[in-house]
PDB file of N, CA and C in Angstrom:
ATOM      1  N   MET A   1      10.645 -39.466 -18.569  1.00  0.00           N
ATOM      2  CA  MET A   1       9.937 -38.206 -18.507  1.00  0.00           C
ATOM      3  C   MET A   1      10.147 -37.587 -17.128  1.00  0.00           C
ATOM      4  N   THR A   2      10.410 -36.313 -17.089  1.00  0.00           N
ATOM      5  CA  THR A   2      10.563 -35.592 -15.837  1.00  0.00           C
ATOM      6  C   THR A   2       9.191 -35.294 -15.253  1.00  0.00           C
ATOM      7  N   CYS A   3       9.097 -35.401 -13.956  1.00  0.00           N
ATOM      8  CA  CYS A   3       7.805 -35.175 -13.303  1.00  0.00           C
ATOM      9  C   CYS A   3       7.904 -34.005 -12.346  1.00  0.00           C
ATOM     10  N   ILE A   4       6.837 -33.225 -12.319  1.00  0.00           N
ATOM     11  CA  ILE A   4       6.731 -32.233 -11.271  1.00  0.00           C
ATOM     12  C   ILE A   4       6.748 -33.000  -9.958  1.00  0.00           C
ATOM     13  N   GLN A   5       7.210 -32.398  -8.924  1.00  0.00           N
ATOM     14  CA  GLN A   5       7.416 -33.130  -7.683  1.00  0.00           C
ATOM     15  C   GLN A   5       6.313 -32.872  -6.672  1.00  0.00           C
ATOM     16  N   PHE A   6       5.149 -33.428  -6.928  1.00  0.00           N
ATOM     17  CA  PHE A   6       4.070 -33.353  -5.966  1.00  0.00           C
ATOM     18  C   PHE A   6       4.183 -34.525  -5.003  1.00  0.00           C
ATOM     19  N   MET A   7       3.873 -34.258  -3.754  1.00  0.00           N
ATOM     20  CA  MET A   7       3.763 -35.330  -2.775  1.00  0.00           C
ATOM     21  C   MET A   7       2.531 -36.148  -3.140  1.00  0.00           C
ATOM     22  N   ARG A   8       2.505 -37.382  -2.711  1.00  0.00           N
ATOM     23  CA  ARG A   8       1.383 -38.264  -3.031  1.00  0.00           C
ATOM     24  C   ARG A   8       0.044 -37.638  -2.626  1.00  0.00           C
ATOM     25  N   ALA A   9      -0.030 -37.102  -1.413  1.00  0.00           N
ATOM     26  CA  ALA A   9      -1.279 -36.522  -0.927  1.00  0.00           C
ATOM     27  C   ALA A   9      -1.709 -35.324  -1.776  1.00  0.00           C
ATOM     28  N   THR A  10      -0.759 -34.522  -2.196  1.00  0.00           N
ATOM     29  CA  THR A  10      -1.072 -33.355  -3.027  1.00  0.00           C
ATOM     30  C   THR A  10      -1.588 -33.804  -4.386  1.00  0.00           C
ATOM     31  N   ALA A  11      -0.932 -34.784  -4.986  1.00  0.00           N
ATOM     32  CA  ALA A  11      -1.389 -35.315  -6.275  1.00  0.00           C
ATOM     33  C   ALA A  11      -2.825 -35.818  -6.145  1.00  0.00           C
ATOM     34  N   GLU A  12      -3.101 -36.517  -5.053  1.00  0.00           N
ATOM     35  CA  GLU A  12      -4.449 -37.041  -4.844  1.00  0.00           C
ATOM     36  C   GLU A  12      -5.465 -35.919  -4.680  1.00  0.00           C
ATOM     37  N   GLU A  13      -5.078 -34.828  -3.991  1.00  0.00           N
ATOM     38  CA  GLU A  13      -5.981 -33.675  -3.869  1.00  0.00           C
ATOM     39  C   GLU A  13      -6.303 -33.084  -5.238  1.00  0.00           C
ATOM     40  N   LEU A  14      -5.368 -33.226  -6.158  1.00  0.00           N
ATOM     41  CA  LEU A  14      -5.559 -32.722  -7.518  1.00  0.00           C
ATOM     42  C   LEU A  14      -6.236 -33.757  -8.421  1.00  0.00           C
ATOM     43  N   GLY A  15      -6.591 -34.915  -7.852  1.00  0.00           N
ATOM     44  CA  GLY A  15      -7.311 -35.937  -8.607  1.00  0.00           C
ATOM     45  C   GLY A  15      -6.438 -36.858  -9.433  1.00  0.00           C
ATOM     46  N   LYS A  16      -5.150 -36.910  -9.121  1.00  0.00           N
ATOM     47  CA  LYS A  16      -4.214 -37.760  -9.862  1.00  0.00           C
ATOM     48  C   LYS A  16      -3.326 -38.515  -8.899  1.00  0.00           C
ATOM     49  N   THR A  17      -2.609 -39.486  -9.429  1.00  0.00           N
ATOM     50  CA  THR A  17      -1.559 -40.153  -8.663  1.00  0.00           C
ATOM     51  C   THR A  17      -0.223 -39.615  -9.165  1.00  0.00           C
ATOM     52  N   THR A  18       0.819 -39.828  -8.397  1.00  0.00           N
ATOM     53  CA  THR A  18       2.134 -39.387  -8.857  1.00  0.00           C
ATOM     54  C   THR A  18       2.537 -40.168 -10.107  1.00  0.00           C
ATOM     55  N   SER A  19       2.110 -41.404 -10.225  1.00  0.00           N
ATOM     56  CA  SER A  19       2.402 -42.197 -11.428  1.00  0.00           C
ATOM     57  C   SER A  19       1.735 -41.601 -12.655  1.00  0.00           C
ATOM     58  N   GLU A  20       0.489 -41.173 -12.503  1.00  0.00           N
ATOM     59  CA  GLU A  20      -0.212 -40.555 -13.634  1.00  0.00           C
ATOM     60  C   GLU A  20       0.481 -39.260 -14.057  1.00  0.00           C
ATOM     61  N   LEU A  21       0.885 -38.477 -13.087  1.00  0.00           N
ATOM     62  CA  LEU A  21       1.582 -37.222 -13.402  1.00  0.00           C
ATOM     63  C   LEU A  21       2.914 -37.502 -14.095  1.00  0.00           C
ATOM     64  N   ARG A  22       3.607 -38.524 -13.646  1.00  0.00           N
ATOM     65  CA  ARG A  22       4.908 -38.878 -14.219  1.00  0.00           C
ATOM     66  C   ARG A  22       4.794 -39.266 -15.694  1.00  0.00           C
ATOM     67  N   ARG A  23       3.682 -39.850 -16.069  1.00  0.00           N
ATOM     68  CA  ARG A  23       3.487 -40.273 -17.459  1.00  0.00           C
ATOM     69  C   ARG A  23       3.078 -39.128 -18.384  1.00  0.00           C
ATOM     70  N   MET A  24       2.727 -37.984 -17.819  1.00  0.00           N
ATOM     71  CA  MET A  24       2.304 -36.839 -18.635  1.00  0.00           C
ATOM     72  C   MET A  24       3.515 -36.105 -19.191  1.00  0.00           C
ATOM     73  N   ASP A  25       3.309 -35.433 -20.323  1.00  0.00           N
ATOM     74  CA  ASP A  25       4.378 -34.566 -20.825  1.00  0.00           C
ATOM     75  C   ASP A  25       4.345 -33.244 -20.049  1.00  0.00           C
ATOM     76  N   HIS A  26       5.327 -32.398 -20.312  1.00  0.00           N
ATOM     77  CA  HIS A  26       5.462 -31.148 -19.556  1.00  0.00           C
ATOM     78  C   HIS A  26       4.238 -30.248 -19.670  1.00  0.00           C
ATOM     79  N   VAL A  27       3.662 -30.174 -20.858  1.00  0.00           N
ATOM     80  CA  VAL A  27       2.494 -29.321 -21.061  1.00  0.00           C
ATOM     81  C   VAL A  27       1.316 -29.838 -20.239  1.00  0.00           C
ATOM     82  N   GLU A  28       1.115 -31.137 -20.252  1.00  0.00           N
ATOM     83  CA  GLU A  28       0.025 -31.722 -19.459  1.00  0.00           C
ATOM     84  C   GLU A  28       0.260 -31.502 -17.966  1.00  0.00           C
ATOM     85  N   GLN A  29       1.500 -31.649 -17.518  1.00  0.00           N
ATOM     86  CA  GLN A  29       1.817 -31.440 -16.107  1.00  0.00           C
ATOM     87  C   GLN A  29       1.547 -30.003 -15.676  1.00  0.00           C
ATOM     88  N   MET A  30       1.779 -29.058 -16.571  1.00  0.00           N
ATOM     89  CA  MET A  30       1.574 -27.653 -16.217  1.00  0.00           C
ATOM     90  C   MET A  30       0.125 -27.353 -15.851  1.00  0.00           C
ATOM     91  N   GLU A  31      -0.807 -28.082 -16.406  1.00  0.00           N
ATOM     92  CA  GLU A  31      -2.212 -27.898 -16.022  1.00  0.00           C
ATOM     93  C   GLU A  31      -2.401 -28.195 -14.536  1.00  0.00           C
ATOM     94  N   TYR A  32      -1.652 -29.162 -14.021  1.00  0.00           N
ATOM     95  CA  TYR A  32      -1.757 -29.511 -12.607  1.00  0.00           C
ATOM     96  C   TYR A  32      -0.974 -28.540 -11.731  1.00  0.00           C
ATOM     97  N   VAL A  33       0.039 -27.926 -12.272  1.00  0.00           N
ATOM     98  CA  VAL A  33       0.732 -26.858 -11.554  1.00  0.00           C
ATOM     99  C   VAL A  33      -0.240 -25.689 -11.369  1.00  0.00           C
ATOM    100  N   LYS A  34      -0.953 -25.338 -12.428  1.00  0.00           N
ATOM    101  CA  LYS A  34      -1.959 -24.255 -12.336  1.00  0.00           C
ATOM    102  C   LYS A  34      -3.030 -24.607 -11.296  1.00  0.00           C
ATOM    103  N   LYS A  35      -3.492 -25.855 -11.334  1.00  0.00           N
ATOM    104  CA  LYS A  35      -4.504 -26.289 -10.372  1.00  0.00           C
ATOM    105  C   LYS A  35      -3.961 -26.212  -8.940  1.00  0.00           C
ATOM    106  N   TYR A  36      -2.690 -26.565  -8.778  1.00  0.00           N
ATOM    107  CA  TYR A  36      -2.072 -26.504  -7.455  1.00  0.00           C
ATOM    108  C   TYR A  36      -2.066 -25.068  -6.935  1.00  0.00           C
ATOM    109  N   PHE A  37      -1.643 -24.133  -7.782  1.00  0.00           N
ATOM    110  CA  PHE A  37      -1.608 -22.743  -7.343  1.00  0.00           C
ATOM    111  C   PHE A  37      -3.014 -22.217  -7.046  1.00  0.00           C
ATOM    112  N   LYS A  38      -3.995 -22.627  -7.809  1.00  0.00           N
ATOM    113  CA  LYS A  38      -5.384 -22.236  -7.555  1.00  0.00           C
ATOM    114  C   LYS A  38      -5.842 -22.804  -6.213  1.00  0.00           C
ATOM    115  N   MET A  39      -5.475 -24.056  -5.928  1.00  0.00           N
ATOM    116  CA  MET A  39      -5.814 -24.684  -4.658  1.00  0.00           C
ATOM    117  C   MET A  39      -5.193 -23.901  -3.498  1.00  0.00           C
ATOM    118  N   GLN A  40      -3.922 -23.521  -3.659  1.00  0.00           N
ATOM    119  CA  GLN A  40      -3.255 -22.761  -2.600  1.00  0.00           C
ATOM    120  C   GLN A  40      -3.857 -21.361  -2.452  1.00  0.00           C
ATOM    121  N   GLU A  41      -4.225 -20.759  -3.564  1.00  0.00           N
ATOM    122  CA  GLU A  41      -4.892 -19.462  -3.530  1.00  0.00           C
ATOM    123  C   GLU A  41      -6.145 -19.555  -2.653  1.00  0.00           C
ATOM    124  N   ASN A  42      -6.929 -20.607  -2.852  1.00  0.00           N
ATOM    125  CA  ASN A  42      -8.138 -20.810  -2.047  1.00  0.00           C
ATOM    126  C   ASN A  42      -7.802 -21.109  -0.593  1.00  0.00           C
ATOM    127  N   ASN A  43      -6.752 -21.881  -0.361  1.00  0.00           N
ATOM    128  CA  ASN A  43      -6.363 -22.244   1.006  1.00  0.00           C
ATOM    129  C   ASN A  43      -5.907 -21.043   1.827  1.00  0.00           C
ATOM    130  N   VAL A  44      -5.180 -20.127   1.209  1.00  0.00           N
ATOM    131  CA  VAL A  44      -4.661 -18.979   1.965  1.00  0.00           C
ATOM    132  C   VAL A  44      -5.552 -17.753   1.857  1.00  0.00           C
ATOM    133  N   GLY A  45      -6.518 -17.805   0.960  1.00  0.00           N
ATOM    134  CA  GLY A  45      -7.458 -16.692   0.844  1.00  0.00           C
ATOM    135  C   GLY A  45      -6.872 -15.438   0.234  1.00  0.00           C
ATOM    136  N   MET A  46      -5.891 -15.603  -0.646  1.00  0.00           N
ATOM    137  CA  MET A  46      -5.280 -14.459  -1.320  1.00  0.00           C
ATOM    138  C   MET A  46      -5.095 -14.818  -2.788  1.00  0.00           C
ATOM    139  N   PRO A  47      -5.651 -14.008  -3.698  1.00  0.00           N
ATOM    140  CA  PRO A  47      -5.496 -14.302  -5.127  1.00  0.00           C
ATOM    141  C   PRO A  47      -4.035 -14.310  -5.550  1.00  0.00           C
ATOM    142  N   THR A  48      -3.695 -15.216  -6.451  1.00  0.00           N
ATOM    143  CA  THR A  48      -2.307 -15.313  -6.908  1.00  0.00           C
ATOM    144  C   THR A  48      -1.834 -14.021  -7.558  1.00  0.00           C
ATOM    145  N   GLU A  49      -2.744 -13.221  -8.083  1.00  0.00           N
ATOM    146  CA  GLU A  49      -2.352 -11.940  -8.687  1.00  0.00           C
ATOM    147  C   GLU A  49      -1.723 -10.997  -7.659  1.00  0.00           C
ATOM    148  N   GLN A  50      -1.994 -11.246  -6.386  1.00  0.00           N
ATOM    149  CA  GLN A  50      -1.438 -10.413  -5.310  1.00  0.00           C
ATOM    150  C   GLN A  50      -0.168 -11.020  -4.712  1.00  0.00           C
ATOM    151  N   TRP A  51       0.212 -12.199  -5.157  1.00  0.00           N
ATOM    152  CA  TRP A  51       1.386 -12.858  -4.603  1.00  0.00           C
ATOM    153  C   TRP A  51       2.660 -12.190  -5.080  1.00  0.00           C
ATOM    154  N   THR A  52       3.640 -12.204  -4.220  1.00  0.00           N
ATOM    155  CA  THR A  52       4.988 -11.772  -4.572  1.00  0.00           C
ATOM    156  C   THR A  52       5.781 -12.991  -5.052  1.00  0.00           C
ATOM    157  N   LEU A  53       6.989 -12.753  -5.523  1.00  0.00           N
ATOM    158  CA  LEU A  53       7.887 -13.852  -5.867  1.00  0.00           C
ATOM    159  C   LEU A  53       8.043 -14.786  -4.665  1.00  0.00           C
ATOM    160  N   GLU A  54       8.199 -14.195  -3.492  1.00  0.00           N
ATOM    161  CA  GLU A  54       8.372 -14.987  -2.282  1.00  0.00           C
ATOM    162  C   GLU A  54       7.133 -15.826  -1.982  1.00  0.00           C
ATOM    163  N   ASP A  55       5.947 -15.261  -2.218  1.00  0.00           N
ATOM    164  CA  ASP A  55       4.714 -16.005  -1.971  1.00  0.00           C
ATOM    165  C   ASP A  55       4.624 -17.254  -2.850  1.00  0.00           C
ATOM    166  N   VAL A  56       5.105 -17.156  -4.076  1.00  0.00           N
ATOM    167  CA  VAL A  56       5.108 -18.327  -4.953  1.00  0.00           C
ATOM    168  C   VAL A  56       5.974 -19.415  -4.307  1.00  0.00           C
ATOM    169  N   TYR A  57       7.141 -19.029  -3.818  1.00  0.00           N
ATOM    170  CA  TYR A  57       8.006 -19.997  -3.137  1.00  0.00           C
ATOM    171  C   TYR A  57       7.316 -20.549  -1.888  1.00  0.00           C
ATOM    172  N   TYR A  58       6.736 -19.659  -1.058  1.00  0.00           N
ATOM    173  CA  TYR A  58       6.063 -20.113   0.161  1.00  0.00           C
ATOM    174  C   TYR A  58       4.964 -21.114  -0.158  1.00  0.00           C
ATOM    175  N   SER A  59       4.250 -20.891  -1.264  1.00  0.00           N
ATOM    176  CA  SER A  59       3.131 -21.773  -1.601  1.00  0.00           C
ATOM    177  C   SER A  59       3.598 -23.203  -1.858  1.00  0.00           C
ATOM    178  N   ILE A  60       4.854 -23.356  -2.202  1.00  0.00           N
ATOM    179  CA  ILE A  60       5.433 -24.681  -2.430  1.00  0.00           C
ATOM    180  C   ILE A  60       6.144 -25.165  -1.162  1.00  0.00           C
ATOM    181  N   PHE A  61       6.895 -24.280  -0.547  1.00  0.00           N
ATOM    182  CA  PHE A  61       7.694 -24.593   0.635  1.00  0.00           C
ATOM    183  C   PHE A  61       6.810 -24.923   1.840  1.00  0.00           C
ATOM    184  N   SER A  62       5.905 -24.027   2.158  1.00  0.00           N
ATOM    185  CA  SER A  62       4.999 -24.169   3.300  1.00  0.00           C
ATOM    186  C   SER A  62       3.907 -23.120   3.148  1.00  0.00           C
ATOM    187  N   PRO A  63       2.800 -23.478   2.499  1.00  0.00           N
ATOM    188  CA  PRO A  63       1.779 -22.491   2.144  1.00  0.00           C
ATOM    189  C   PRO A  63       1.302 -21.579   3.268  1.00  0.00           C
ATOM    190  N   LYS A  64       1.240 -22.083   4.492  1.00  0.00           N
ATOM    191  CA  LYS A  64       0.775 -21.244   5.603  1.00  0.00           C
ATOM    192  C   LYS A  64       1.658 -20.019   5.801  1.00  0.00           C
ATOM    193  N   THR A  65       2.875 -20.085   5.299  1.00  0.00           N
ATOM    194  CA  THR A  65       3.828 -18.989   5.452  1.00  0.00           C
ATOM    195  C   THR A  65       3.332 -17.713   4.784  1.00  0.00           C
ATOM    196  N   ILE A  66       2.562 -17.827   3.719  1.00  0.00           N
ATOM    197  CA  ILE A  66       2.058 -16.648   3.009  1.00  0.00           C
ATOM    198  C   ILE A  66       1.324 -15.722   3.965  1.00  0.00           C
ATOM    199  N   LYS A  67       0.598 -16.270   4.916  1.00  0.00           N
ATOM    200  CA  LYS A  67      -0.225 -15.465   5.816  1.00  0.00           C
ATOM    201  C   LYS A  67       0.544 -14.910   7.018  1.00  0.00           C
ATOM    202  N   LEU A  68       1.780 -15.333   7.195  1.00  0.00           N
ATOM    203  CA  LEU A  68       2.563 -14.887   8.349  1.00  0.00           C
ATOM    204  C   LEU A  68       3.101 -13.474   8.149  1.00  0.00           C
ATOM    205  N   LYS A  69       3.441 -12.836   9.263  1.00  0.00           N
ATOM    206  CA  LYS A  69       4.109 -11.536   9.229  1.00  0.00           C
ATOM    207  C   LYS A  69       5.604 -11.779   8.999  1.00  0.00           C
ATOM    208  N   PRO A  70       6.331 -10.770   8.504  1.00  0.00           N
ATOM    209  CA  PRO A  70       7.745 -10.966   8.151  1.00  0.00           C
ATOM    210  C   PRO A  70       8.619 -11.584   9.244  1.00  0.00           C
ATOM    211  N   ASN A  71       8.427 -11.206  10.490  1.00  0.00           N
ATOM    212  CA  ASN A  71       9.299 -11.728  11.543  1.00  0.00           C
ATOM    213  C   ASN A  71       8.742 -12.950  12.254  1.00  0.00           C
ATOM    214  N   ASP A  72       7.620 -13.478  11.770  1.00  0.00           N
ATOM    215  CA  ASP A  72       7.068 -14.701  12.355  1.00  0.00           C
ATOM    216  C   ASP A  72       7.987 -15.883  12.056  1.00  0.00           C
ATOM    217  N   VAL A  73       8.047 -16.800  13.007  1.00  0.00           N
ATOM    218  CA  VAL A  73       8.886 -17.996  12.882  1.00  0.00           C
ATOM    219  C   VAL A  73       8.133 -19.064  12.095  1.00  0.00           C
ATOM    220  N   VAL A  74       8.789 -19.579  11.062  1.00  0.00           N
ATOM    221  CA  VAL A  74       8.221 -20.655  10.257  1.00  0.00           C
ATOM    222  C   VAL A  74       8.637 -22.002  10.850  1.00  0.00           C
ATOM    223  N   TYR A  75       9.920 -22.154  11.134  1.00  0.00           N
ATOM    224  CA  TYR A  75      10.454 -23.358  11.774  1.00  0.00           C
ATOM    225  C   TYR A  75      11.491 -22.932  12.796  1.00  0.00           C
ATOM    226  N   GLN A  76      11.613 -23.733  13.845  1.00  0.00           N
ATOM    227  CA  GLN A  76      12.676 -23.485  14.816  1.00  0.00           C
ATOM    228  C   GLN A  76      13.349 -24.788  15.202  1.00  0.00           C
ATOM    229  N   ASN A  77      14.488 -24.646  15.826  1.00  0.00           N
ATOM    230  CA  ASN A  77      15.332 -25.801  16.132  1.00  0.00           C
ATOM    231  C   ASN A  77      14.562 -26.896  16.855  1.00  0.00           C
ATOM    232  N   SER A  78      13.637 -26.531  17.716  1.00  0.00           N
ATOM    233  CA  SER A  78      12.876 -27.535  18.464  1.00  0.00           C
ATOM    234  C   SER A  78      11.931 -28.341  17.568  1.00  0.00           C
ATOM    235  N   ASP A  79      11.700 -27.861  16.327  1.00  0.00           N
ATOM    236  CA  ASP A  79      10.863 -28.599  15.370  1.00  0.00           C
ATOM    237  C   ASP A  79      11.595 -29.818  14.816  1.00  0.00           C
ATOM    238  N   GLY A  80      12.906 -29.852  15.014  1.00  0.00           N
ATOM    239  CA  GLY A  80      13.689 -30.993  14.537  1.00  0.00           C
ATOM    240  C   GLY A  80      13.786 -31.064  13.028  1.00  0.00           C
ATOM    241  N   GLY A  81      13.136 -32.059  12.446  1.00  0.00           N
ATOM    242  CA  GLY A  81      13.271 -32.373  11.029  1.00  0.00           C
ATOM    243  C   GLY A  81      13.078 -31.208  10.072  1.00  0.00           C
ATOM    244  N   TYR A  82      11.982 -30.484  10.203  1.00  0.00           N
ATOM    245  CA  TYR A  82      11.726 -29.393   9.259  1.00  0.00           C
ATOM    246  C   TYR A  82      12.780 -28.300   9.372  1.00  0.00           C
ATOM    247  N   TYR A  83      13.133 -27.965  10.573  1.00  0.00           N
ATOM    248  CA  TYR A  83      14.178 -26.956  10.767  1.00  0.00           C
ATOM    249  C   TYR A  83      15.501 -27.461  10.185  1.00  0.00           C
ATOM    250  N   ASN A  84      15.883 -28.676  10.535  1.00  0.00           N
ATOM    251  CA  ASN A  84      17.164 -29.222  10.092  1.00  0.00           C
ATOM    252  C   ASN A  84      17.256 -29.337   8.578  1.00  0.00           C
ATOM    253  N   LYS A  85      16.146 -29.641   7.917  1.00  0.00           N
ATOM    254  CA  LYS A  85      16.145 -29.751   6.458  1.00  0.00           C
ATOM    255  C   LYS A  85      16.235 -28.394   5.776  1.00  0.00           C
ATOM    256  N   ASN A  86      16.019 -27.337   6.535  1.00  0.00           N
ATOM    257  CA  ASN A  86      15.995 -25.988   5.957  1.00  0.00           C
ATOM    258  C   ASN A  86      16.971 -25.039   6.642  1.00  0.00           C
ATOM    259  N   LEU A  87      18.046 -25.577   7.197  1.00  0.00           N
ATOM    260  CA  LEU A  87      19.047 -24.752   7.884  1.00  0.00           C
ATOM    261  C   LEU A  87      19.546 -23.591   7.038  1.00  0.00           C
ATOM    262  N   TYR A  88      19.583 -23.804   5.748  1.00  0.00           N
ATOM    263  CA  TYR A  88      20.028 -22.778   4.809  1.00  0.00           C
ATOM    264  C   TYR A  88      19.293 -21.457   5.019  1.00  0.00           C
ATOM    265  N   HIS A  89      18.040 -21.545   5.426  1.00  0.00           N
ATOM    266  CA  HIS A  89      17.240 -20.335   5.602  1.00  0.00           C
ATOM    267  C   HIS A  89      17.485 -19.632   6.936  1.00  0.00           C
ATOM    268  N   ASP A  90      18.157 -20.285   7.871  1.00  0.00           N
ATOM    269  CA  ASP A  90      18.437 -19.638   9.162  1.00  0.00           C
ATOM    270  C   ASP A  90      19.675 -18.765   9.003  1.00  0.00           C
ATOM    271  N   ILE A  91      19.479 -17.633   8.378  1.00  0.00           N
ATOM    272  CA  ILE A  91      20.590 -16.759   7.999  1.00  0.00           C
ATOM    273  C   ILE A  91      21.404 -16.304   9.205  1.00  0.00           C
ATOM    274  N   ASN A  92      20.734 -15.913  10.280  1.00  0.00           N
ATOM    275  CA  ASN A  92      21.468 -15.411  11.450  1.00  0.00           C
ATOM    276  C   ASN A  92      21.816 -16.502  12.458  1.00  0.00           C
ATOM    277  N   LYS A  93      21.506 -17.757  12.119  1.00  0.00           N
ATOM    278  CA  LYS A  93      21.871 -18.935  12.924  1.00  0.00           C
ATOM    279  C   LYS A  93      21.404 -18.841  14.376  1.00  0.00           C
ATOM    280  N   ASP A  94      20.157 -18.342  14.566  1.00  0.00           N
ATOM    281  CA  ASP A  94      19.617 -18.204  15.918  1.00  0.00           C
ATOM    282  C   ASP A  94      18.687 -19.348  16.315  1.00  0.00           C
ATOM    283  N   GLY A  95      18.619 -20.384  15.471  1.00  0.00           N
ATOM    284  CA  GLY A  95      17.758 -21.514  15.771  1.00  0.00           C
ATOM    285  C   GLY A  95      16.318 -21.306  15.334  1.00  0.00           C
ATOM    286  N   LYS A  96      16.070 -20.198  14.612  1.00  0.00           N
ATOM    287  CA  LYS A  96      14.726 -19.895  14.130  1.00  0.00           C
ATOM    288  C   LYS A  96      14.804 -19.476  12.661  1.00  0.00           C
ATOM    289  N   ILE A  97      13.868 -19.951  11.882  1.00  0.00           N
ATOM    290  CA  ILE A  97      13.771 -19.545  10.477  1.00  0.00           C
ATOM    291  C   ILE A  97      12.518 -18.684  10.361  1.00  0.00           C
ATOM    292  N   THR A  98      12.721 -17.415  10.031  1.00  0.00           N
ATOM    293  CA  THR A  98      11.587 -16.504   9.906  1.00  0.00           C
ATOM    294  C   THR A  98      11.188 -16.345   8.447  1.00  0.00           C
ATOM    295  N   LYS A  99       9.989 -15.842   8.264  1.00  0.00           N
ATOM    296  CA  LYS A  99       9.492 -15.581   6.918  1.00  0.00           C
ATOM    297  C   LYS A  99      10.431 -14.626   6.188  1.00  0.00           C
ATOM    298  N   SER A 100      10.938 -13.618   6.878  1.00  0.00           N
ATOM    299  CA  SER A 100      11.819 -12.638   6.220  1.00  0.00           C
ATOM    300  C   SER A 100      13.163 -13.249   5.835  1.00  0.00           C
ATOM    301  N   GLU A 101      13.665 -14.208   6.597  1.00  0.00           N
ATOM    302  CA  GLU A 101      14.911 -14.869   6.224  1.00  0.00           C
ATOM    303  C   GLU A 101      14.717 -15.681   4.939  1.00  0.00           C
ATOM    304  N   ILE A 102      13.604 -16.367   4.857  1.00  0.00           N
ATOM    305  CA  ILE A 102      13.311 -17.132   3.639  1.00  0.00           C
ATOM    306  C   ILE A 102      13.209 -16.175   2.455  1.00  0.00           C
ATOM    307  N   ALA A 103      12.500 -15.067   2.649  1.00  0.00           N
ATOM    308  CA  ALA A 103      12.319 -14.081   1.575  1.00  0.00           C
ATOM    309  C   ALA A 103      13.659 -13.542   1.095  1.00  0.00           C
ATOM    310  N   GLU A 104      14.554 -13.264   2.029  1.00  0.00           N
ATOM    311  CA  GLU A 104      15.877 -12.747   1.652  1.00  0.00           C
ATOM    312  C   GLU A 104      16.617 -13.760   0.778  1.00  0.00           C
ATOM    313  N   ASN A 105      16.600 -15.026   1.162  1.00  0.00           N
ATOM    314  CA  ASN A 105      17.259 -16.059   0.358  1.00  0.00           C
ATOM    315  C   ASN A 105      16.639 -16.175  -1.025  1.00  0.00           C
ATOM    316  N   ILE A 106      15.329 -16.084  -1.104  1.00  0.00           N
ATOM    317  CA  ILE A 106      14.648 -16.195  -2.392  1.00  0.00           C
ATOM    318  C   ILE A 106      15.057 -15.042  -3.299  1.00  0.00           C
ATOM    319  N   ARG A 107      15.068 -13.828  -2.768  1.00  0.00           N
ATOM    320  CA  ARG A 107      15.455 -12.665  -3.582  1.00  0.00           C
ATOM    321  C   ARG A 107      16.902 -12.767  -4.054  1.00  0.00           C
ATOM    322  N   VAL A 108      17.808 -13.179  -3.173  1.00  0.00           N
ATOM    323  CA  VAL A 108      19.226 -13.317  -3.536  1.00  0.00           C
ATOM    324  C   VAL A 108      19.392 -14.369  -4.628  1.00  0.00           C
ATOM    325  N   ASN A 109      18.782 -15.520  -4.452  1.00  0.00           N
ATOM    326  CA  ASN A 109      18.917 -16.589  -5.441  1.00  0.00           C
ATOM    327  C   ASN A 109      18.266 -16.227  -6.763  1.00  0.00           C
ATOM    328  N   TYR A 110      17.152 -15.520  -6.712  1.00  0.00           N
ATOM    329  CA  TYR A 110      16.495 -15.086  -7.940  1.00  0.00           C
ATOM    330  C   TYR A 110      17.399 -14.132  -8.710  1.00  0.00           C
ATOM    331  N   LYS A 111      17.975 -13.160  -8.011  1.00  0.00           N
ATOM    332  CA  LYS A 111      18.872 -12.197  -8.674  1.00  0.00           C
ATOM    333  C   LYS A 111      20.102 -12.897  -9.243  1.00  0.00           C
ATOM    334  N   GLN A 112      20.659 -13.857  -8.509  1.00  0.00           N
ATOM    335  CA  GLN A 112      21.811 -14.594  -9.014  1.00  0.00           C
ATOM    336  C   GLN A 112      21.450 -15.369 -10.262  1.00  0.00           C
ATOM    337  N   GLY A 113      20.276 -15.990 -10.260  1.00  0.00           N
ATOM    338  CA  GLY A 113      19.836 -16.736 -11.428  1.00  0.00           C
ATOM    339  C   GLY A 113      19.629 -15.861 -12.638  1.00  0.00           C
ATOM    340  N   ILE A 114      19.064 -14.682 -12.423  1.00  0.00           N
ATOM    341  CA  ILE A 114      18.849 -13.740 -13.518  1.00  0.00           C
ATOM    342  C   ILE A 114      20.185 -13.271 -14.088  1.00  0.00           C
ATOM    343  N   SER A 115      21.138 -12.928 -13.214  1.00  0.00           N
ATOM    344  CA  SER A 115      22.417 -12.428 -13.703  1.00  0.00           C
ATOM    345  C   SER A 115      23.216 -13.521 -14.416  1.00  0.00           C
ATOM    346  N   GLU A 116      23.097 -14.760 -13.953  1.00  0.00           N
ATOM    347  CA  GLU A 116      23.803 -15.860 -14.616  1.00  0.00           C
ATOM    348  C   GLU A 116      23.171 -16.201 -15.944  1.00  0.00           C
ATOM    349  N   ALA A 117      21.882 -15.977 -16.085  1.00  0.00           N
ATOM    350  CA  ALA A 117      21.178 -16.277 -17.335  1.00  0.00           C
ATOM    351  C   ALA A 117      21.439 -15.193 -18.377  1.00  0.00           C
ATOM    352  N   GLY A 118      21.766 -14.001 -17.915  1.00  0.00           N
ATOM    353  CA  GLY A 118      21.927 -12.854 -18.807  1.00  0.00           C
ATOM    354  C   GLY A 118      23.199 -12.916 -19.544  1.00  0.00           C
TER     355      GLY A 118
END
């Protein structure tokens, strides 16, 4: 069975273990996806109805990003691991990953996915 990919701590915040989630079918897992988004909605103080496509990604990638301004830095080279794991988002290769760079990648990939599905 395929499992949604919650970190152990996140699964526990939702009242489950990753093992319990792994044993659920897709429909059962979706209830916990909804709970996760509701949890993030409460954490950032913005209803999901106001979220953009990018905000949905941010809520999974790094929820605090939703509250940042477009040119705010999410990760930078001095952060080491997080920056290095997300080099793809450093579009201008300046050693900083901004919220707007992430948004640009999300929009491009979304459009590519839509056109390939069509």
